[in-house]
Amino acid sequence: MSAFRTHGRGHLNGPVVVIGTGLLGTSIGLGLRGRGVSVFLSDPSPTNQAVAVDIGAGLPLSRLGDEQPELVVVAAPPDVTADVVERSLADYPGATVVDIASVKAGILADLRGRGVDLSRYVGTHPMAGREKSGPVAARGELFTSMPWVVCPSGETSPGALQAARALATDLGAVVVQFGAEEHDHAVALVSHLPQVMSSLVASRLQGTPLHALSLAGNGLRDVTRIAASDPTLWVQILGANAGPVVEILHGVREDLNRLIGTLEDPTAPGARLDLAQLISEGNAGQARIPGKHGGPPQAYSWLTVLVDDRPGQIARLLTEIGEIGVNLEDLRLDHSSGQNVGMVELSVLPNKHDLLIEALNDRGWRVLQ
């Protein structure tokens, strides 16, 4: 195993082989190349590999020659990940091999069943992505400040775990360590369920008259944003993690049946209380989502600023908020139906809410509380 550097440019010396040049694999290549690490790329699709090479994510694997990689990153689809990991462990006997598939327990069980040497293997999962796919959507900073889960097995060597953690930290991610099954249950709730629910809501929009959809606001856009994800990838993810997802969906079904039963007779005794409880339970769950920088949840105050829909207005607004000295916690954009007016929704700490409104009003902005 190669030594690890601890100075400015990171921990990995390289070379690093990345197998799979989709969004994540190419983003890993770009991020490592930005730190001066030698990266070599391989993909079953010559076109994907050529695009990744052209945008600077690395060199073709054929250029590696006889040099042995320090690390192999398997960025293959979940249904072939175990095959590629097994082959990589055999092809590169001195390298740590990690995969970045979004499910972990099944791959580990498959590899263990094949009798491969698990001391050099670490399952990992960077919790980052985009609605767009493929190497053209890749970004070297994709993983910055995002969680990167590492799932060592009982057989994982300390050196292999160190290499997996170094990959994540070199790319600016925040390392989180889980067991494989613990990981799969967690992502079923925080990642796979939102995808399913978003897709189910968006599917209701098929055939909806356009004049009805013209009423859509940020609520519908927020809920359906991830419904634009790649169906082929999600077929594999959901199939590989079906058990944990089904377990959660059973609970969702119970809540839906409860809601349907209540709405079928909304004036019955106790119906309104039940509706209030369902919404309150959602309030309680939402309040548990970690706040800024992963810290404890915190309540923020919102205000809306109307801006003319022309170039430079939002930039001017943000510049003036900076001059006022108020830090924004969140920002959302919407547009007024039928008017050339944009609506910028701003989230700030409660003790800055009134100050910001007063200062913006003084500067001539139209503010809605």
Protein backbone atom coordinates (compact mmCIF):
# COMPACT_ATOMS: atom_id res chain seq x y z
CA MET A 1 0.00 0.00 0.00
CA SER A 2 1.31 3.43 -0.92
CA ALA A 3 2.08 5.97 1.77
CA PHE A 4 -0.42 8.72 2.44
CA ARG A 5 0.48 12.37 2.27
CA THR A 6 -0.86 14.69 4.89
CA HIS A 7 0.11 18.06 3.41
CA GLY A 8 -1.97 20.52 1.40
CA ARG A 9 -2.97 18.65 -1.72
CA GLY A 10 -4.55 15.70 0.09
CA HIS A 11 -3.91 12.18 1.25
CA LEU A 12 -3.86 10.07 -1.91
CA ASN A 13 -0.68 9.83 -3.96
CA GLY A 14 -2.23 7.98 -6.87
CA PRO A 15 -2.46 6.74 -9.40
CA VAL A 16 -6.20 6.16 -9.03
CA VAL A 17 -8.21 4.05 -11.47
CA VAL A 18 -11.87 4.99 -11.90
CA ILE A 19 -14.04 2.34 -13.54
CA GLY A 20 -17.23 3.96 -14.77
CA THR A 21 -17.38 7.46 -16.20
CA GLY A 22 -20.92 8.52 -15.44
CA LEU A 23 -21.76 11.55 -13.33
CA LEU A 24 -20.09 10.33 -10.13
CA GLY A 25 -17.09 8.57 -11.61
CA THR A 26 -16.22 11.53 -13.81
CA SER A 27 -16.76 13.95 -10.93
CA ILE A 28 -14.34 11.92 -8.82
CA GLY A 29 -11.79 12.07 -11.62
CA LEU A 30 -12.18 15.81 -12.00
CA GLY A 31 -11.89 16.38 -8.26
CA LEU A 32 -8.76 14.26 -7.90
CA ARG A 33 -7.15 15.75 -11.00
CA GLY A 34 -7.77 19.16 -9.47
CA ARG A 35 -5.58 18.02 -6.57
CA GLY A 36 -2.83 16.81 -8.83
CA VAL A 37 -3.57 13.08 -8.50
CA SER A 38 -3.02 10.92 -11.59
CA VAL A 39 -6.32 9.37 -12.67
CA PHE A 40 -6.98 6.68 -15.28
CA LEU A 41 -10.45 6.03 -16.61
CA SER A 42 -12.29 3.01 -17.93
CA ASP A 43 -15.87 2.61 -19.12
CA PRO A 44 -17.72 0.01 -21.21
CA SER A 45 -19.00 2.93 -23.29
CA PRO A 46 -16.18 4.33 -25.44
CA THR A 47 -18.19 7.52 -25.86
CA ASN A 48 -18.60 8.12 -22.13
CA GLN A 49 -14.91 7.42 -21.54
CA ALA A 50 -13.86 9.76 -24.36
CA VAL A 51 -16.04 12.57 -23.03
CA ALA A 52 -14.63 12.13 -19.52
CA VAL A 53 -11.09 12.23 -20.91
CA ASP A 54 -11.88 15.28 -23.04
CA ILE A 55 -13.16 17.28 -20.05
CA GLY A 56 -10.03 16.51 -18.03
CA ALA A 57 -11.18 13.80 -15.61
CA GLY A 58 -8.19 11.57 -16.38
CA LEU A 59 -6.39 9.55 -19.03
CA PRO A 60 -7.57 6.31 -20.68
CA LEU A 61 -6.76 3.23 -18.62
CA SER A 62 -4.61 1.96 -21.47
CA ARG A 63 -2.12 4.71 -20.59
CA LEU A 64 -1.50 3.28 -17.09
CA GLY A 65 0.99 0.75 -18.41
CA ASP A 66 2.66 -1.45 -15.81
CA GLU A 67 2.22 1.04 -12.98
CA GLN A 68 0.10 -0.25 -10.10
CA PRO A 69 -2.70 1.99 -8.81
CA GLU A 70 -2.98 2.92 -5.19
CA LEU A 71 -6.78 2.92 -5.35
CA VAL A 72 -9.47 1.61 -7.68
CA VAL A 73 -12.87 3.31 -7.58
CA VAL A 74 -15.70 1.20 -8.98
CA ALA A 75 -18.39 3.59 -10.22
CA ALA A 76 -20.43 0.95 -12.02
CA PRO A 77 -24.22 0.40 -11.87
CA PRO A 78 -25.34 -1.49 -8.74
CA ASP A 79 -26.29 -4.67 -10.64
CA VAL A 80 -22.71 -5.21 -11.89
CA THR A 81 -20.77 -3.64 -9.01
CA ALA A 82 -19.86 -6.93 -7.34
CA ASP A 83 -18.54 -8.32 -10.65
CA VAL A 84 -16.38 -5.27 -11.27
CA VAL A 85 -15.08 -5.21 -7.69
CA GLU A 86 -14.12 -8.89 -7.86
CA ARG A 87 -12.31 -8.37 -11.16
CA SER A 88 -10.54 -5.25 -9.86
CA LEU A 89 -9.29 -7.03 -6.74
CA ALA A 90 -7.79 -9.71 -9.00
CA ASP A 91 -6.36 -7.29 -11.58
CA TYR A 92 -4.74 -4.94 -9.04
CA PRO A 93 -3.43 -7.05 -6.14
CA GLY A 94 -1.69 -4.10 -4.46
CA ALA A 95 -4.62 -1.68 -4.56
CA THR A 96 -7.51 -0.85 -2.30
CA VAL A 97 -10.81 -1.23 -4.17
CA VAL A 98 -13.84 0.84 -3.22
CA ASP A 99 -17.24 1.05 -4.82
CA ILE A 100 -19.63 3.99 -4.70
CA ALA A 101 -22.92 2.17 -5.29
CA SER A 102 -25.93 3.48 -3.40
CA VAL A 103 -26.65 0.11 -1.74
CA LYS A 104 -24.12 -1.78 0.32
CA ALA A 105 -25.35 -4.92 2.13
CA GLY A 106 -26.22 -6.96 -0.96
CA ILE A 107 -22.90 -6.21 -2.67
CA LEU A 108 -20.94 -7.14 0.45
CA ALA A 109 -22.88 -10.40 0.87
CA ASP A 110 -22.34 -11.25 -2.81
CA LEU A 111 -18.59 -10.66 -2.57
CA ARG A 112 -18.32 -12.62 0.65
CA GLY A 113 -20.20 -15.49 -0.96
CA ARG A 114 -17.69 -15.52 -3.83
CA GLY A 115 -14.83 -15.91 -1.35
CA VAL A 116 -12.92 -12.83 -2.51
CA ASP A 117 -10.30 -11.14 -0.32
CA LEU A 118 -12.31 -8.47 1.51
CA SER A 119 -9.30 -7.01 3.32
CA ARG A 120 -8.68 -4.61 0.41
CA TYR A 121 -12.33 -3.77 -0.28
CA VAL A 122 -14.44 -0.98 1.22
CA GLY A 123 -18.02 -0.22 0.29
CA THR A 124 -18.68 3.53 0.18
CA HIS A 125 -21.50 5.84 -0.89
CA PRO A 126 -21.09 9.55 -1.61
CA MET A 127 -24.40 11.27 -0.81
CA ALA A 128 -24.21 13.63 -3.74
CA GLY A 129 -25.67 13.82 -7.20
CA ARG A 130 -27.64 15.82 -9.71
CA GLU A 131 -30.84 15.30 -11.67
CA LYS A 132 -28.64 15.24 -14.79
CA SER A 133 -26.56 12.16 -15.56
CA GLY A 134 -23.51 11.25 -17.61
CA PRO A 135 -19.99 12.67 -17.77
CA VAL A 136 -21.09 16.01 -19.26
CA ALA A 137 -22.94 16.73 -16.01
CA ALA A 138 -19.86 16.03 -13.84
CA ARG A 139 -18.42 18.62 -11.49
CA GLY A 140 -15.16 18.35 -9.57
CA GLU A 141 -16.72 20.10 -6.57
CA LEU A 142 -19.80 17.84 -6.52
CA PHE A 143 -18.83 16.23 -3.20
CA THR A 144 -17.76 19.35 -1.33
CA SER A 145 -19.23 19.36 2.19
CA MET A 146 -21.52 16.41 1.34
CA PRO A 147 -21.66 13.22 3.45
CA TRP A 148 -19.62 10.31 2.14
CA VAL A 149 -20.50 7.03 3.87
CA VAL A 150 -17.82 4.37 4.31
CA CYS A 151 -18.98 0.88 5.26
CA PRO A 152 -16.02 -1.30 6.25
CA SER A 153 -16.64 -4.98 6.84
CA GLY A 154 -15.14 -7.08 9.60
CA GLU A 155 -12.41 -8.11 7.16
CA THR A 156 -11.42 -4.61 6.00
CA SER A 157 -7.78 -3.78 6.74
CA PRO A 158 -6.86 -0.48 8.44
CA GLY A 159 -4.94 0.59 5.34
CA ALA A 160 -7.92 0.00 3.05
CA LEU A 161 -10.20 1.96 5.36
CA GLN A 162 -7.66 4.79 5.46
CA ALA A 163 -7.56 4.88 1.64
CA ALA A 164 -11.36 5.01 1.41
CA ARG A 165 -11.55 7.81 3.92
CA ALA A 166 -8.74 9.67 2.13
CA LEU A 167 -10.67 9.55 -1.15
CA ALA A 168 -13.64 11.23 0.48
CA THR A 169 -11.67 13.88 2.34
CA ASP A 170 -9.52 14.70 -0.70
CA LEU A 171 -12.75 15.46 -2.55
CA GLY A 172 -13.96 17.74 0.23
CA ALA A 173 -16.63 15.39 1.57
CA VAL A 174 -17.55 14.73 5.19
CA VAL A 175 -16.81 11.10 6.12
CA VAL A 176 -19.51 9.15 7.97
CA GLN A 177 -19.00 5.51 8.96
CA PHE A 178 -21.93 3.04 8.94
CA GLY A 179 -22.40 -0.68 8.84
CA ALA A 180 -23.65 -1.93 5.46
CA GLU A 181 -27.16 -2.88 6.61
CA GLU A 182 -27.43 0.26 8.75
CA HIS A 183 -26.55 2.29 5.67
CA ASP A 184 -29.17 0.59 3.50
CA HIS A 185 -31.95 1.19 6.02
CA ALA A 186 -30.90 4.84 6.41
CA VAL A 187 -30.82 5.63 2.68
CA ALA A 188 -34.12 3.82 2.18
CA LEU A 189 -35.70 6.51 4.33
CA VAL A 190 -33.72 9.65 3.50
CA SER A 191 -33.05 9.02 -0.21
CA HIS A 192 -35.05 6.18 -1.77
CA LEU A 193 -38.42 6.99 -0.20
CA PRO A 194 -38.27 10.68 -1.28
CA GLN A 195 -37.52 9.54 -4.84
CA VAL A 196 -40.50 7.17 -4.85
CA MET A 197 -42.88 9.74 -3.39
CA SER A 198 -41.66 12.46 -5.75
CA SER A 199 -42.15 10.19 -8.76
CA LEU A 200 -45.62 9.15 -7.58
CA VAL A 201 -46.72 12.75 -7.17
CA ALA A 202 -45.27 13.76 -10.53
CA SER A 203 -46.99 10.83 -12.24
CA ARG A 204 -50.34 12.37 -11.25
CA LEU A 205 -49.50 15.34 -13.48
CA GLN A 206 -49.66 13.30 -16.68
CA GLY A 207 -52.56 14.48 -18.78
CA THR A 208 -53.28 17.41 -16.48
CA PRO A 209 -54.51 20.44 -18.50
CA LEU A 210 -51.82 23.08 -18.89
CA HIS A 211 -54.08 25.79 -17.50
CA ALA A 212 -54.24 23.81 -14.25
CA LEU A 213 -50.46 23.35 -14.13
CA SER A 214 -50.05 27.10 -14.63
CA LEU A 215 -51.14 27.46 -10.99
CA ALA A 216 -48.13 25.44 -9.77
CA GLY A 217 -45.84 27.13 -7.29
CA ASN A 218 -42.68 26.20 -5.41
CA GLY A 219 -44.51 23.58 -3.37
CA LEU A 220 -45.12 21.36 -6.38
CA ARG A 221 -41.69 22.13 -7.84
CA ASP A 222 -39.96 21.21 -4.57
CA VAL A 223 -41.86 17.94 -4.21
CA THR A 224 -41.32 16.83 -7.83
CA ARG A 225 -37.77 18.11 -8.44
CA ILE A 226 -36.11 14.71 -8.12
CA ALA A 227 -38.79 13.03 -10.22
CA ALA A 228 -36.61 14.00 -13.19
CA SER A 229 -34.03 11.37 -12.14
CA ASP A 230 -32.77 8.57 -14.40
CA PRO A 231 -35.33 5.68 -14.44
CA THR A 232 -32.75 3.04 -15.38
CA LEU A 233 -30.56 3.84 -12.39
CA TRP A 234 -33.50 3.90 -9.98
CA VAL A 235 -34.80 0.53 -11.17
CA GLN A 236 -31.48 -0.91 -10.03
CA ILE A 237 -31.31 1.04 -6.77
CA LEU A 238 -34.84 0.17 -5.66
CA GLY A 239 -34.46 -3.45 -6.69
CA ALA A 240 -31.21 -3.78 -4.75
CA ASN A 241 -32.66 -2.18 -1.61
CA ALA A 242 -36.21 -3.46 -1.92
CA GLY A 243 -36.47 -4.92 1.60
CA PRO A 244 -35.83 -1.71 3.58
CA VAL A 245 -37.86 0.37 1.11
CA VAL A 246 -40.87 -1.95 1.30
CA GLU A 247 -40.73 -1.86 5.10
CA ILE A 248 -41.00 1.94 5.05
CA LEU A 249 -43.68 1.91 2.34
CA HIS A 250 -45.84 -0.33 4.52
CA GLY A 251 -45.81 2.48 7.10
CA VAL A 252 -46.62 5.05 4.41
CA ARG A 253 -49.50 2.88 3.25
CA GLU A 254 -50.90 2.77 6.78
CA ASP A 255 -50.78 6.57 6.94
CA LEU A 256 -52.41 6.88 3.51
CA ASN A 257 -55.19 4.46 4.45
CA ARG A 258 -55.73 6.44 7.63
CA LEU A 259 -55.89 9.70 5.67
CA ILE A 260 -58.21 8.28 3.02
CA GLY A 261 -60.53 6.90 5.67
CA THR A 262 -60.68 10.28 7.39
CA LEU A 263 -61.27 12.27 4.20
CA GLU A 264 -64.04 9.95 3.09
CA ASP A 265 -66.07 11.41 5.95
CA PRO A 266 -64.31 14.66 6.90
CA THR A 267 -67.14 15.90 9.12
CA ALA A 268 -67.31 12.77 11.26
CA PRO A 269 -66.52 13.13 14.97
CA GLY A 270 -62.75 13.19 15.44
CA ALA A 271 -61.99 13.61 11.73
CA ARG A 272 -60.58 17.11 12.02
CA LEU A 273 -58.46 16.10 15.00
CA ASP A 274 -57.07 13.17 13.03
CA LEU A 275 -56.18 15.45 10.10
CA ALA A 276 -54.48 17.86 12.47
CA GLN A 277 -52.52 15.00 14.02
CA LEU A 278 -51.34 13.76 10.63
CA ILE A 279 -50.08 17.21 9.67
CA SER A 280 -48.52 17.69 13.13
CA GLU A 281 -46.70 14.38 12.82
CA GLY A 282 -45.21 15.71 9.59
CA ASN A 283 -44.21 18.92 11.40
CA ALA A 284 -42.45 16.86 14.05
CA GLY A 285 -40.58 14.75 11.51
CA GLN A 286 -39.52 17.75 9.43
CA ALA A 287 -38.22 19.48 12.55
CA ARG A 288 -35.78 16.60 13.10
CA ILE A 289 -33.93 17.14 9.82
CA PRO A 290 -30.46 18.50 10.68
CA GLY A 291 -29.98 22.20 10.18
CA LYS A 292 -27.20 24.22 8.61
CA HIS A 293 -23.83 22.45 8.37
CA GLY A 294 -25.41 19.34 9.91
CA GLY A 295 -26.05 21.11 13.20
CA PRO A 296 -29.20 20.85 15.29
CA PRO A 297 -32.47 21.88 13.63
CA GLN A 298 -33.22 25.58 13.88
CA ALA A 299 -36.30 27.62 13.07
CA TYR A 300 -35.81 30.38 10.53
CA SER A 301 -37.95 33.31 9.51
CA TRP A 302 -38.98 33.86 5.89
CA LEU A 303 -39.70 36.99 3.92
CA THR A 304 -40.37 37.58 0.22
CA VAL A 305 -38.85 40.34 -1.89
CA LEU A 306 -40.42 41.30 -5.23
CA VAL A 307 -37.88 41.99 -7.98
CA ASP A 308 -38.31 43.07 -11.56
CA ASP A 309 -37.71 40.15 -13.92
CA ARG A 310 -34.69 41.62 -15.69
CA PRO A 311 -30.94 40.97 -15.58
CA GLY A 312 -28.96 42.00 -12.51
CA GLN A 313 -31.82 42.46 -10.03
CA ILE A 314 -31.19 39.37 -7.91
CA ALA A 315 -27.46 40.07 -7.87
CA ARG A 316 -28.14 43.63 -6.69
CA LEU A 317 -30.50 42.35 -3.99
CA LEU A 318 -27.94 39.88 -2.64
CA THR A 319 -25.20 42.52 -2.71
CA GLU A 320 -27.32 44.91 -0.68
CA ILE A 321 -28.24 42.19 1.84
CA GLY A 322 -24.51 41.66 2.29
CA GLU A 323 -24.03 45.39 2.83
CA ILE A 324 -26.79 45.32 5.44
CA GLY A 325 -24.84 42.60 7.23
CA VAL A 326 -27.46 39.84 7.36
CA ASN A 327 -26.52 36.25 6.56
CA LEU A 328 -28.97 34.27 4.41
CA GLU A 329 -29.76 30.75 5.59
CA ASP A 330 -31.71 29.76 2.46
CA LEU A 331 -33.04 31.27 -0.76
CA ARG A 332 -35.79 30.23 -3.18
CA LEU A 333 -36.96 31.75 -6.44
CA ASP A 334 -40.45 31.88 -7.90
CA HIS A 335 -42.23 33.95 -10.52
CA SER A 336 -45.51 35.76 -10.46
CA SER A 337 -47.99 34.24 -12.90
CA GLY A 338 -48.71 36.65 -15.76
CA GLN A 339 -46.39 39.43 -14.56
CA ASN A 340 -42.71 40.21 -15.12
CA VAL A 341 -42.01 40.01 -11.43
CA GLY A 342 -39.80 37.56 -9.60
CA MET A 343 -40.29 36.56 -5.98
CA VAL A 344 -37.17 35.90 -3.93
CA GLU A 345 -37.96 34.04 -0.73
CA LEU A 346 -35.29 34.62 1.90
CA SER A 347 -34.65 32.68 5.10
CA VAL A 348 -32.85 34.40 8.00
CA LEU A 349 -32.41 33.96 11.72
CA PRO A 350 -35.51 35.21 13.55
CA ASN A 351 -33.62 38.01 15.30
CA LYS A 352 -32.59 39.41 11.88
CA HIS A 353 -36.05 39.27 10.27
CA ASP A 354 -37.40 42.71 11.20
CA LEU A 355 -34.01 44.37 10.74
CA LEU A 356 -33.73 43.04 7.19
CA ILE A 357 -37.28 44.05 6.27
CA GLU A 358 -36.73 47.60 7.52
CA ALA A 359 -33.38 47.95 5.78
CA LEU A 360 -34.69 46.61 2.47
CA ASN A 361 -37.74 48.87 2.61
CA ASP A 362 -35.43 51.84 3.21
CA ARG A 363 -33.51 50.88 0.06
CA GLY A 364 -36.66 50.81 -2.05
CA TRP A 365 -37.29 47.07 -2.24
CA ARG A 366 -40.85 45.71 -2.10
CA VAL A 367 -40.96 43.27 0.80
CA LEU A 368 -43.77 40.89 1.73
CA GLN A 369 -43.78 39.40 5.21
